[in-house]
Amino acid sequence: MMTRAHRRPAFDQRVQASPNHPPATLPISPAVTAMAPMSAPAAKALALPVIVWHTWAFFIPAVDRAKARTLRRLGGLATALAVGGVAFGYFIVLPAALKFLTNYDSAQLTPLLRARDFLGFCVHILIGMGLIFELPVFLVGLTTLGIMTTEKLRQNRRMGYFLCGVVGMAVAPSVDPVT
C-alpha cells in the first residue's frame, strides 16, 4: 500500500522530464514486477526503525551512559540527515539527472525507458544520496567512540578520496561517466 503511494511521484518526475515518452513495459508480466525496485526499499525503510531498535537494545548494555547519550544524539542526527539526503536526491538530483540523461542527444535518439530500469535508477539515486548525507555522522561517531582519531583521518585523507571514487564507480547505476 505504501509503495503504491510512493511510486506515483517517480512516474510524475519522468513525465515532467519527457511528457511524450512515459516509461514502458513490453510483455504483460513486467507491468506487475516493475514495482519491485520500489517495493523492496520501501519495505526496508518501514522495517528499519524496528531493526535499529533491536540492534540498539542488544548493544547498549556494553556502552557507558555518556557514550550512549552521544550515540542517541548521533542517531537522531543521522536520521534527519538521511531524510534530508533522500529529499535532496528526489527534488534536486533526480530531476536534473533525468532531464540530462533523457535529453542527451535527443536530436538523434528517442529514449524508450523500461519501467523496471527507470524505477531502479531512481531508487539507486535516492539510496545513494541518503547514504552520502550520513557519512559525516558516521565519522563523528567513530571519532567520538575512540575507534578513529582525527590524526589518523588526516594521515589517510588521500586514501579516503581514492576509496570514495572507487565506491562511487561501484554503485553507479551505469558505466557512463555522467553518473
N, C-alpha and C. Protein backbone atom coordinates (compact mmCIF):
# COMPACT_ATOMS: atom_id res chain seq x y z
N MET A 1 0.83 -1.18 0.00
CA MET A 1 0.00 0.00 0.00
C MET A 1 0.88 1.26 0.00
N MET A 2 1.92 1.26 0.87
CA MET A 2 2.80 2.43 0.93
C MET A 2 3.58 2.60 -0.38
N THR A 3 4.01 1.48 -0.97
CA THR A 3 4.78 1.61 -2.20
C THR A 3 3.91 2.10 -3.34
N ARG A 4 2.64 1.79 -3.31
CA ARG A 4 1.73 2.28 -4.34
C ARG A 4 1.63 3.80 -4.28
N ALA A 5 1.62 4.35 -3.07
CA ALA A 5 1.55 5.80 -2.92
C ALA A 5 2.87 6.46 -3.29
N HIS A 6 3.99 5.76 -3.09
CA HIS A 6 5.30 6.36 -3.36
C HIS A 6 5.71 6.24 -4.81
N ARG A 7 5.14 5.30 -5.56
CA ARG A 7 5.62 5.12 -6.92
C ARG A 7 5.09 6.19 -7.86
N ARG A 8 4.00 6.80 -7.57
CA ARG A 8 3.40 7.79 -8.45
C ARG A 8 4.29 9.01 -8.67
N PRO A 9 4.92 9.58 -7.63
CA PRO A 9 5.77 10.74 -7.88
C PRO A 9 6.94 10.43 -8.79
N ALA A 10 7.47 9.20 -8.74
CA ALA A 10 8.58 8.86 -9.63
C ALA A 10 8.12 8.92 -11.08
N PHE A 11 6.93 8.40 -11.36
CA PHE A 11 6.41 8.50 -12.71
C PHE A 11 6.15 9.95 -13.09
N ASP A 12 5.66 10.74 -12.14
CA ASP A 12 5.42 12.15 -12.42
C ASP A 12 6.71 12.87 -12.77
N GLN A 13 7.83 12.54 -12.07
CA GLN A 13 9.12 13.14 -12.39
C GLN A 13 9.50 12.80 -13.83
N ARG A 14 9.26 11.56 -14.24
CA ARG A 14 9.63 11.13 -15.58
C ARG A 14 8.77 11.84 -16.62
N VAL A 15 7.50 11.98 -16.33
CA VAL A 15 6.61 12.63 -17.28
C VAL A 15 7.01 14.10 -17.46
N GLN A 16 7.46 14.74 -16.38
CA GLN A 16 7.91 16.12 -16.50
C GLN A 16 9.17 16.20 -17.33
N ALA A 17 10.05 15.18 -17.22
CA ALA A 17 11.30 15.21 -17.97
C ALA A 17 11.04 15.03 -19.47
N SER A 18 10.09 14.18 -19.85
CA SER A 18 9.79 13.93 -21.24
C SER A 18 8.32 13.51 -21.37
N PRO A 19 7.40 14.45 -21.51
CA PRO A 19 5.98 14.12 -21.48
C PRO A 19 5.51 13.21 -22.62
N ASN A 20 6.24 13.15 -23.72
CA ASN A 20 5.81 12.34 -24.85
C ASN A 20 6.21 10.88 -24.73
N HIS A 21 7.08 10.54 -23.77
CA HIS A 21 7.60 9.18 -23.66
C HIS A 21 7.56 8.69 -22.22
N PRO A 22 6.39 8.27 -21.72
CA PRO A 22 6.35 7.71 -20.37
C PRO A 22 7.03 6.34 -20.34
N PRO A 23 7.46 5.85 -19.17
CA PRO A 23 8.10 4.54 -19.10
C PRO A 23 7.18 3.44 -19.65
N ALA A 24 7.78 2.46 -20.31
CA ALA A 24 7.01 1.43 -20.98
C ALA A 24 7.38 0.05 -20.47
N THR A 25 6.42 -0.86 -20.55
CA THR A 25 6.68 -2.28 -20.34
C THR A 25 6.18 -3.01 -21.57
N LEU A 26 6.99 -3.94 -22.08
CA LEU A 26 6.62 -4.61 -23.32
C LEU A 26 5.79 -5.87 -23.09
N PRO A 27 6.27 -6.88 -22.36
CA PRO A 27 5.41 -8.03 -22.09
C PRO A 27 4.39 -7.72 -21.00
N ILE A 28 3.54 -8.69 -20.68
CA ILE A 28 2.49 -8.49 -19.68
C ILE A 28 3.06 -8.49 -18.26
N SER A 29 3.90 -9.44 -17.91
CA SER A 29 4.35 -9.60 -16.52
C SER A 29 5.18 -8.44 -15.98
N PRO A 30 6.02 -7.75 -16.74
CA PRO A 30 6.78 -6.65 -16.15
C PRO A 30 5.91 -5.50 -15.64
N ALA A 31 4.68 -5.41 -16.09
CA ALA A 31 3.81 -4.37 -15.56
C ALA A 31 3.61 -4.56 -14.06
N VAL A 32 3.60 -5.81 -13.60
CA VAL A 32 3.45 -6.10 -12.17
C VAL A 32 4.81 -6.09 -11.49
N THR A 33 5.82 -6.72 -12.10
CA THR A 33 7.12 -6.86 -11.46
C THR A 33 7.98 -5.60 -11.54
N ALA A 34 7.58 -4.62 -12.31
CA ALA A 34 8.37 -3.39 -12.40
C ALA A 34 8.38 -2.62 -11.09
N MET A 35 7.41 -2.86 -10.24
CA MET A 35 7.34 -2.13 -8.97
C MET A 35 8.25 -2.72 -7.90
N ALA A 36 8.88 -3.86 -8.16
CA ALA A 36 9.77 -4.49 -7.18
C ALA A 36 10.94 -3.59 -6.78
N PRO A 37 11.57 -2.86 -7.71
CA PRO A 37 12.64 -1.97 -7.27
C PRO A 37 12.18 -0.89 -6.29
N MET A 38 10.92 -0.54 -6.32
CA MET A 38 10.40 0.45 -5.37
C MET A 38 9.87 -0.21 -4.10
N SER A 39 9.30 -1.40 -4.22
CA SER A 39 8.67 -2.05 -3.08
C SER A 39 9.69 -2.53 -2.06
N ALA A 40 10.77 -3.15 -2.51
CA ALA A 40 11.76 -3.69 -1.58
C ALA A 40 12.41 -2.59 -0.73
N PRO A 41 12.91 -1.49 -1.31
CA PRO A 41 13.48 -0.44 -0.47
C PRO A 41 12.43 0.22 0.44
N ALA A 42 11.21 0.34 -0.03
CA ALA A 42 10.17 0.94 0.82
C ALA A 42 9.88 0.03 2.00
N ALA A 43 9.86 -1.29 1.78
CA ALA A 43 9.63 -2.23 2.88
C ALA A 43 10.79 -2.19 3.86
N LYS A 44 12.01 -2.08 3.36
CA LYS A 44 13.17 -1.99 4.24
C LYS A 44 13.14 -0.70 5.06
N ALA A 45 12.73 0.39 4.42
CA ALA A 45 12.64 1.66 5.15
C ALA A 45 11.58 1.60 6.24
N LEU A 46 10.48 0.91 5.98
CA LEU A 46 9.45 0.77 7.01
C LEU A 46 9.90 -0.13 8.15
N ALA A 47 10.73 -1.14 7.85
CA ALA A 47 11.21 -2.06 8.88
C ALA A 47 12.44 -1.53 9.62
N LEU A 48 13.10 -0.53 9.07
CA LEU A 48 14.35 -0.04 9.65
C LEU A 48 14.23 0.43 11.10
N PRO A 49 13.19 1.16 11.51
CA PRO A 49 13.12 1.55 12.92
C PRO A 49 13.09 0.36 13.88
N VAL A 50 12.42 -0.71 13.52
CA VAL A 50 12.38 -1.89 14.37
C VAL A 50 13.75 -2.56 14.42
N ILE A 51 14.40 -2.65 13.29
CA ILE A 51 15.73 -3.26 13.24
C ILE A 51 16.72 -2.44 14.06
N VAL A 52 16.69 -1.13 13.92
CA VAL A 52 17.59 -0.26 14.68
C VAL A 52 17.31 -0.37 16.16
N TRP A 53 16.04 -0.41 16.55
CA TRP A 53 15.69 -0.52 17.97
C TRP A 53 16.24 -1.81 18.57
N HIS A 54 16.10 -2.93 17.88
CA HIS A 54 16.58 -4.20 18.41
C HIS A 54 18.11 -4.24 18.45
N THR A 55 18.75 -3.67 17.46
CA THR A 55 20.21 -3.59 17.47
C THR A 55 20.68 -2.72 18.63
N TRP A 56 20.01 -1.58 18.81
CA TRP A 56 20.33 -0.68 19.91
C TRP A 56 20.15 -1.39 21.26
N ALA A 57 19.06 -2.10 21.45
CA ALA A 57 18.79 -2.80 22.70
C ALA A 57 19.82 -3.90 22.97
N PHE A 58 20.39 -4.47 21.91
CA PHE A 58 21.39 -5.51 22.09
C PHE A 58 22.74 -4.92 22.51
N PHE A 59 23.16 -3.82 21.88
CA PHE A 59 24.49 -3.28 22.12
C PHE A 59 24.57 -2.25 23.25
N ILE A 60 23.50 -1.61 23.62
CA ILE A 60 23.57 -0.51 24.58
C ILE A 60 24.07 -0.93 25.97
N PRO A 61 23.82 -2.16 26.45
CA PRO A 61 24.38 -2.51 27.76
C PRO A 61 25.92 -2.49 27.80
N ALA A 62 26.57 -2.62 26.66
CA ALA A 62 28.03 -2.63 26.61
C ALA A 62 28.64 -1.24 26.56
N VAL A 63 27.82 -0.21 26.44
CA VAL A 63 28.31 1.16 26.30
C VAL A 63 27.94 1.96 27.55
N ASP A 64 28.90 2.79 28.03
CA ASP A 64 28.59 3.59 29.22
C ASP A 64 27.58 4.68 28.90
N ARG A 65 27.03 5.30 29.94
CA ARG A 65 25.91 6.25 29.78
C ARG A 65 26.27 7.48 28.93
N ALA A 66 27.45 8.03 29.13
CA ALA A 66 27.83 9.24 28.38
C ALA A 66 27.91 8.95 26.88
N LYS A 67 28.53 7.84 26.54
CA LYS A 67 28.63 7.50 25.11
C LYS A 67 27.27 7.09 24.56
N ALA A 68 26.42 6.50 25.40
CA ALA A 68 25.07 6.14 24.96
C ALA A 68 24.27 7.39 24.60
N ARG A 69 24.40 8.45 25.41
CA ARG A 69 23.72 9.71 25.07
C ARG A 69 24.24 10.29 23.77
N THR A 70 25.55 10.23 23.59
CA THR A 70 26.14 10.73 22.34
C THR A 70 25.64 9.92 21.16
N LEU A 71 25.60 8.61 21.31
CA LEU A 71 25.10 7.77 20.22
C LEU A 71 23.63 8.05 19.92
N ARG A 72 22.85 8.33 20.96
CA ARG A 72 21.44 8.65 20.76
C ARG A 72 21.30 9.94 19.94
N ARG A 73 22.09 10.94 20.29
CA ARG A 73 22.05 12.20 19.52
C ARG A 73 22.51 11.99 18.08
N LEU A 74 23.58 11.21 17.92
CA LEU A 74 24.07 10.94 16.57
C LEU A 74 23.04 10.15 15.76
N GLY A 75 22.30 9.26 16.41
CA GLY A 75 21.25 8.51 15.72
C GLY A 75 20.15 9.43 15.21
N GLY A 76 19.75 10.38 16.06
CA GLY A 76 18.74 11.35 15.62
C GLY A 76 19.24 12.22 14.48
N LEU A 77 20.51 12.65 14.59
CA LEU A 77 21.10 13.46 13.53
C LEU A 77 21.23 12.66 12.23
N ALA A 78 21.62 11.38 12.35
CA ALA A 78 21.74 10.54 11.16
C ALA A 78 20.40 10.35 10.47
N THR A 79 19.35 10.19 11.27
CA THR A 79 18.01 10.05 10.69
C THR A 79 17.61 11.31 9.93
N ALA A 80 17.83 12.46 10.57
CA ALA A 80 17.49 13.73 9.92
C ALA A 80 18.30 13.93 8.64
N LEU A 81 19.59 13.61 8.69
CA LEU A 81 20.43 13.78 7.50
C LEU A 81 20.04 12.79 6.40
N ALA A 82 19.66 11.57 6.76
CA ALA A 82 19.24 10.61 5.73
C ALA A 82 17.97 11.08 5.04
N VAL A 83 17.01 11.57 5.82
CA VAL A 83 15.78 12.10 5.23
C VAL A 83 16.10 13.31 4.36
N GLY A 84 16.99 14.17 4.84
CA GLY A 84 17.41 15.32 4.03
C GLY A 84 18.11 14.91 2.76
N GLY A 85 18.94 13.86 2.83
CA GLY A 85 19.63 13.38 1.64
C GLY A 85 18.67 12.80 0.61
N VAL A 86 17.69 12.05 1.08
CA VAL A 86 16.69 11.50 0.15
C VAL A 86 15.87 12.63 -0.47
N ALA A 87 15.51 13.62 0.34
CA ALA A 87 14.75 14.76 -0.20
C ALA A 87 15.59 15.53 -1.21
N PHE A 88 16.88 15.74 -0.91
CA PHE A 88 17.77 16.41 -1.85
C PHE A 88 17.88 15.62 -3.15
N GLY A 89 18.01 14.31 -3.03
CA GLY A 89 18.09 13.48 -4.22
C GLY A 89 16.81 13.50 -5.03
N TYR A 90 15.66 13.52 -4.35
CA TYR A 90 14.37 13.48 -5.05
C TYR A 90 14.04 14.81 -5.72
N PHE A 91 14.29 15.91 -5.02
CA PHE A 91 13.86 17.20 -5.55
C PHE A 91 14.92 17.90 -6.39
N ILE A 92 16.20 17.59 -6.22
CA ILE A 92 17.24 18.31 -6.93
C ILE A 92 18.02 17.39 -7.88
N VAL A 93 18.58 16.30 -7.37
CA VAL A 93 19.45 15.46 -8.18
C VAL A 93 18.66 14.67 -9.23
N LEU A 94 17.59 14.02 -8.81
CA LEU A 94 16.83 13.17 -9.73
C LEU A 94 16.24 13.94 -10.91
N PRO A 95 15.57 15.09 -10.71
CA PRO A 95 15.07 15.80 -11.89
C PRO A 95 16.18 16.26 -12.83
N ALA A 96 17.31 16.71 -12.27
CA ALA A 96 18.42 17.14 -13.13
C ALA A 96 19.01 15.96 -13.89
N ALA A 97 19.19 14.83 -13.21
CA ALA A 97 19.74 13.64 -13.88
C ALA A 97 18.80 13.14 -14.96
N LEU A 98 17.50 13.10 -14.66
CA LEU A 98 16.54 12.63 -15.65
C LEU A 98 16.48 13.56 -16.86
N LYS A 99 16.51 14.84 -16.60
CA LYS A 99 16.45 15.80 -17.71
C LYS A 99 17.67 15.64 -18.60
N PHE A 100 18.85 15.53 -17.98
CA PHE A 100 20.07 15.40 -18.77
C PHE A 100 20.11 14.07 -19.52
N LEU A 101 19.85 12.98 -18.81
CA LEU A 101 20.00 11.67 -19.42
C LEU A 101 18.93 11.36 -20.47
N THR A 102 17.73 11.90 -20.31
CA THR A 102 16.69 11.64 -21.32
C THR A 102 16.78 12.60 -22.50
N ASN A 103 17.43 13.73 -22.33
CA ASN A 103 17.55 14.68 -23.43
C ASN A 103 18.91 14.64 -24.10
N TYR A 104 19.80 13.78 -23.63
CA TYR A 104 21.13 13.68 -24.21
C TYR A 104 21.03 13.16 -25.64
N ASP A 105 21.50 13.92 -26.58
CA ASP A 105 21.48 13.59 -28.00
C ASP A 105 20.06 13.27 -28.47
N SER A 106 19.10 14.07 -28.01
CA SER A 106 17.69 13.83 -28.34
C SER A 106 17.37 14.11 -29.81
N ALA A 107 18.26 14.78 -30.51
CA ALA A 107 18.03 15.01 -31.93
C ALA A 107 18.15 13.71 -32.73
N GLN A 108 18.97 12.77 -32.22
CA GLN A 108 19.17 11.52 -32.95
C GLN A 108 18.58 10.31 -32.25
N LEU A 109 18.37 10.41 -30.94
CA LEU A 109 17.91 9.26 -30.17
C LEU A 109 16.61 9.59 -29.44
N THR A 110 15.73 8.62 -29.37
CA THR A 110 14.50 8.75 -28.60
C THR A 110 14.58 7.75 -27.44
N PRO A 111 14.54 8.24 -26.21
CA PRO A 111 14.64 7.30 -25.09
C PRO A 111 13.37 6.48 -24.93
N LEU A 112 13.52 5.17 -24.90
CA LEU A 112 12.42 4.25 -24.62
C LEU A 112 12.78 3.54 -23.32
N LEU A 113 12.29 4.04 -22.23
CA LEU A 113 12.66 3.53 -20.92
C LEU A 113 11.76 2.40 -20.50
N ARG A 114 12.37 1.34 -19.99
CA ARG A 114 11.60 0.28 -19.35
C ARG A 114 11.31 0.74 -17.93
N ALA A 115 10.11 0.50 -17.47
CA ALA A 115 9.70 0.96 -16.15
C ALA A 115 10.60 0.39 -15.05
N ARG A 116 10.96 -0.88 -15.14
CA ARG A 116 11.81 -1.50 -14.12
C ARG A 116 13.18 -0.83 -14.04
N ASP A 117 13.79 -0.59 -15.19
CA ASP A 117 15.10 0.07 -15.20
C ASP A 117 15.01 1.50 -14.70
N PHE A 118 13.96 2.18 -15.10
CA PHE A 118 13.78 3.56 -14.66
C PHE A 118 13.60 3.66 -13.15
N LEU A 119 12.73 2.82 -12.60
CA LEU A 119 12.50 2.85 -11.16
C LEU A 119 13.73 2.39 -10.38
N GLY A 120 14.45 1.43 -10.92
CA GLY A 120 15.70 1.01 -10.28
C GLY A 120 16.71 2.14 -10.24
N PHE A 121 16.81 2.90 -11.32
CA PHE A 121 17.69 4.06 -11.36
C PHE A 121 17.29 5.08 -10.30
N CYS A 122 16.00 5.37 -10.19
CA CYS A 122 15.52 6.33 -9.19
C CYS A 122 15.84 5.87 -7.78
N VAL A 123 15.63 4.59 -7.50
CA VAL A 123 15.90 4.06 -6.16
C VAL A 123 17.39 4.13 -5.85
N HIS A 124 18.24 3.81 -6.83
CA HIS A 124 19.69 3.89 -6.60
C HIS A 124 20.11 5.32 -6.27
N ILE A 125 19.58 6.27 -6.99
CA ILE A 125 19.92 7.67 -6.72
C ILE A 125 19.49 8.07 -5.31
N LEU A 126 18.28 7.72 -4.91
CA LEU A 126 17.77 8.13 -3.60
C LEU A 126 18.51 7.45 -2.46
N ILE A 127 18.79 6.16 -2.59
CA ILE A 127 19.54 5.47 -1.54
C ILE A 127 20.97 6.01 -1.46
N GLY A 128 21.58 6.24 -2.58
CA GLY A 128 22.94 6.80 -2.59
C GLY A 128 23.00 8.17 -1.93
N MET A 129 22.05 9.01 -2.22
CA MET A 129 22.04 10.35 -1.60
C MET A 129 21.81 10.26 -0.10
N GLY A 130 20.94 9.35 0.33
CA GLY A 130 20.72 9.17 1.77
C GLY A 130 21.98 8.71 2.48
N LEU A 131 22.72 7.78 1.87
CA LEU A 131 23.96 7.29 2.48
C LEU A 131 25.06 8.35 2.48
N ILE A 132 25.16 9.10 1.40
CA ILE A 132 26.18 10.14 1.33
C ILE A 132 25.97 11.19 2.42
N PHE A 133 24.73 11.55 2.67
CA PHE A 133 24.45 12.55 3.69
C PHE A 133 24.74 12.03 5.11
N GLU A 134 24.82 10.72 5.29
CA GLU A 134 25.10 10.16 6.61
C GLU A 134 26.59 9.99 6.89
N LEU A 135 27.45 10.13 5.91
CA LEU A 135 28.89 9.92 6.12
C LEU A 135 29.48 10.81 7.22
N PRO A 136 29.16 12.08 7.29
CA PRO A 136 29.75 12.89 8.38
C PRO A 136 29.37 12.38 9.77
N VAL A 137 28.15 11.94 9.95
CA VAL A 137 27.73 11.42 11.26
C VAL A 137 28.47 10.13 11.57
N PHE A 138 28.69 9.31 10.57
CA PHE A 138 29.43 8.08 10.76
C PHE A 138 30.85 8.37 11.24
N LEU A 139 31.52 9.33 10.61
CA LEU A 139 32.89 9.67 11.01
C LEU A 139 32.93 10.30 12.40
N VAL A 140 31.97 11.16 12.72
CA VAL A 140 31.91 11.75 14.06
C VAL A 140 31.67 10.66 15.10
N GLY A 141 30.82 9.71 14.79
CA GLY A 141 30.58 8.60 15.72
C GLY A 141 31.83 7.77 15.96
N LEU A 142 32.60 7.49 14.90
CA LEU A 142 33.84 6.74 15.06
C LEU A 142 34.86 7.48 15.90
N THR A 143 34.98 8.78 15.69
CA THR A 143 35.94 9.54 16.50
C THR A 143 35.46 9.71 17.93
N THR A 144 34.17 9.87 18.14
CA THR A 144 33.63 10.01 19.50
C THR A 144 33.82 8.73 20.31
N LEU A 145 33.65 7.60 19.68
CA LEU A 145 33.82 6.33 20.37
C LEU A 145 35.28 5.93 20.53
N GLY A 146 36.19 6.68 19.92
CA GLY A 146 37.61 6.39 20.05
C GLY A 146 38.11 5.34 19.08
N ILE A 147 37.29 4.93 18.15
CA ILE A 147 37.70 3.93 17.16
C ILE A 147 38.63 4.57 16.14
N MET A 148 38.37 5.81 15.79
CA MET A 148 39.16 6.54 14.82
C MET A 148 39.61 7.86 15.47
N THR A 149 40.81 8.30 15.13
CA THR A 149 41.29 9.59 15.65
C THR A 149 41.35 10.60 14.51
N THR A 150 41.31 11.87 14.88
CA THR A 150 41.39 12.90 13.85
C THR A 150 42.75 12.89 13.16
N GLU A 151 43.80 12.54 13.91
CA GLU A 151 45.14 12.44 13.31
C GLU A 151 45.19 11.36 12.25
N LYS A 152 44.58 10.22 12.54
CA LYS A 152 44.55 9.12 11.57
C LYS A 152 43.73 9.51 10.34
N LEU A 153 42.65 10.25 10.55
CA LEU A 153 41.85 10.73 9.42
C LEU A 153 42.67 11.68 8.54
N ARG A 154 43.46 12.55 9.17
CA ARG A 154 44.30 13.47 8.40
C ARG A 154 45.36 12.70 7.59
N GLN A 155 45.95 11.70 8.21
CA GLN A 155 47.01 10.92 7.52
C GLN A 155 46.46 10.14 6.33
N ASN A 156 45.26 9.65 6.44
CA ASN A 156 44.68 8.78 5.40
C ASN A 156 43.69 9.51 4.50
N ARG A 157 43.79 10.81 4.41
CA ARG A 157 42.85 11.59 3.61
C ARG A 157 42.89 11.19 2.13
N ARG A 158 44.09 11.04 1.58
CA ARG A 158 44.19 10.69 0.16
C ARG A 158 43.60 9.32 -0.13
N MET A 159 43.84 8.38 0.77
CA MET A 159 43.26 7.05 0.61
C MET A 159 41.73 7.13 0.68
N GLY A 160 41.21 7.99 1.54
CA GLY A 160 39.76 8.19 1.64
C GLY A 160 39.18 8.74 0.35
N TYR A 161 39.87 9.70 -0.25
CA TYR A 161 39.40 10.24 -1.54
C TYR A 161 39.37 9.14 -2.60
N PHE A 162 40.43 8.34 -2.64
CA PHE A 162 40.50 7.26 -3.61
C PHE A 162 39.37 6.24 -3.39
N LEU A 163 39.15 5.85 -2.13
CA LEU A 163 38.10 4.89 -1.83
C LEU A 163 36.71 5.44 -2.14
N CYS A 164 36.50 6.74 -1.92
CA CYS A 164 35.22 7.36 -2.29
C CYS A 164 34.99 7.25 -3.80
N GLY A 165 36.04 7.47 -4.57
CA GLY A 165 35.92 7.34 -6.02
C GLY A 165 35.62 5.92 -6.45
N VAL A 166 36.30 4.95 -5.83
CA VAL A 166 36.08 3.54 -6.17
C VAL A 166 34.66 3.12 -5.81
N VAL A 167 34.21 3.49 -4.61
CA VAL A 167 32.85 3.14 -4.20
C VAL A 167 31.84 3.83 -5.10
N GLY A 168 32.09 5.09 -5.47
CA GLY A 168 31.20 5.80 -6.37
C GLY A 168 31.08 5.11 -7.72
N MET A 169 32.19 4.60 -8.23
CA MET A 169 32.14 3.88 -9.50
C MET A 169 31.42 2.55 -9.35
N ALA A 170 31.56 1.92 -8.17
CA ALA A 170 30.94 0.61 -7.97
C ALA A 170 29.42 0.72 -7.84
N VAL A 171 28.94 1.77 -7.23
CA VAL A 171 27.48 1.88 -7.02
C VAL A 171 26.77 2.68 -8.10
N ALA A 172 27.51 3.21 -9.06
CA ALA A 172 26.87 3.98 -10.14
C ALA A 172 25.93 3.07 -10.91
N PRO A 173 24.74 3.57 -11.27
CA PRO A 173 23.78 2.72 -11.95
C PRO A 173 24.16 2.32 -13.37
N SER A 174 25.13 2.99 -13.95
CA SER A 174 25.56 2.62 -15.31
C SER A 174 27.03 2.94 -15.45
N VAL A 175 27.58 2.64 -16.61
CA VAL A 175 29.01 2.82 -16.82
C VAL A 175 29.35 4.16 -17.46
N ASP A 176 28.36 4.97 -17.78
CA ASP A 176 28.66 6.23 -18.44
C ASP A 176 29.30 7.20 -17.42
N PRO A 177 30.17 8.09 -17.90
CA PRO A 177 30.90 8.97 -16.97
C PRO A 177 30.01 10.04 -16.33
N VAL A 178 28.82 10.27 -16.83
CA VAL A 178 27.95 11.31 -16.27
C VAL A 178 27.46 10.92 -14.88
N THR A 179 27.04 9.67 -14.71
CA THR A 179 26.54 9.24 -13.41
C THR A 179 27.67 8.88 -12.49
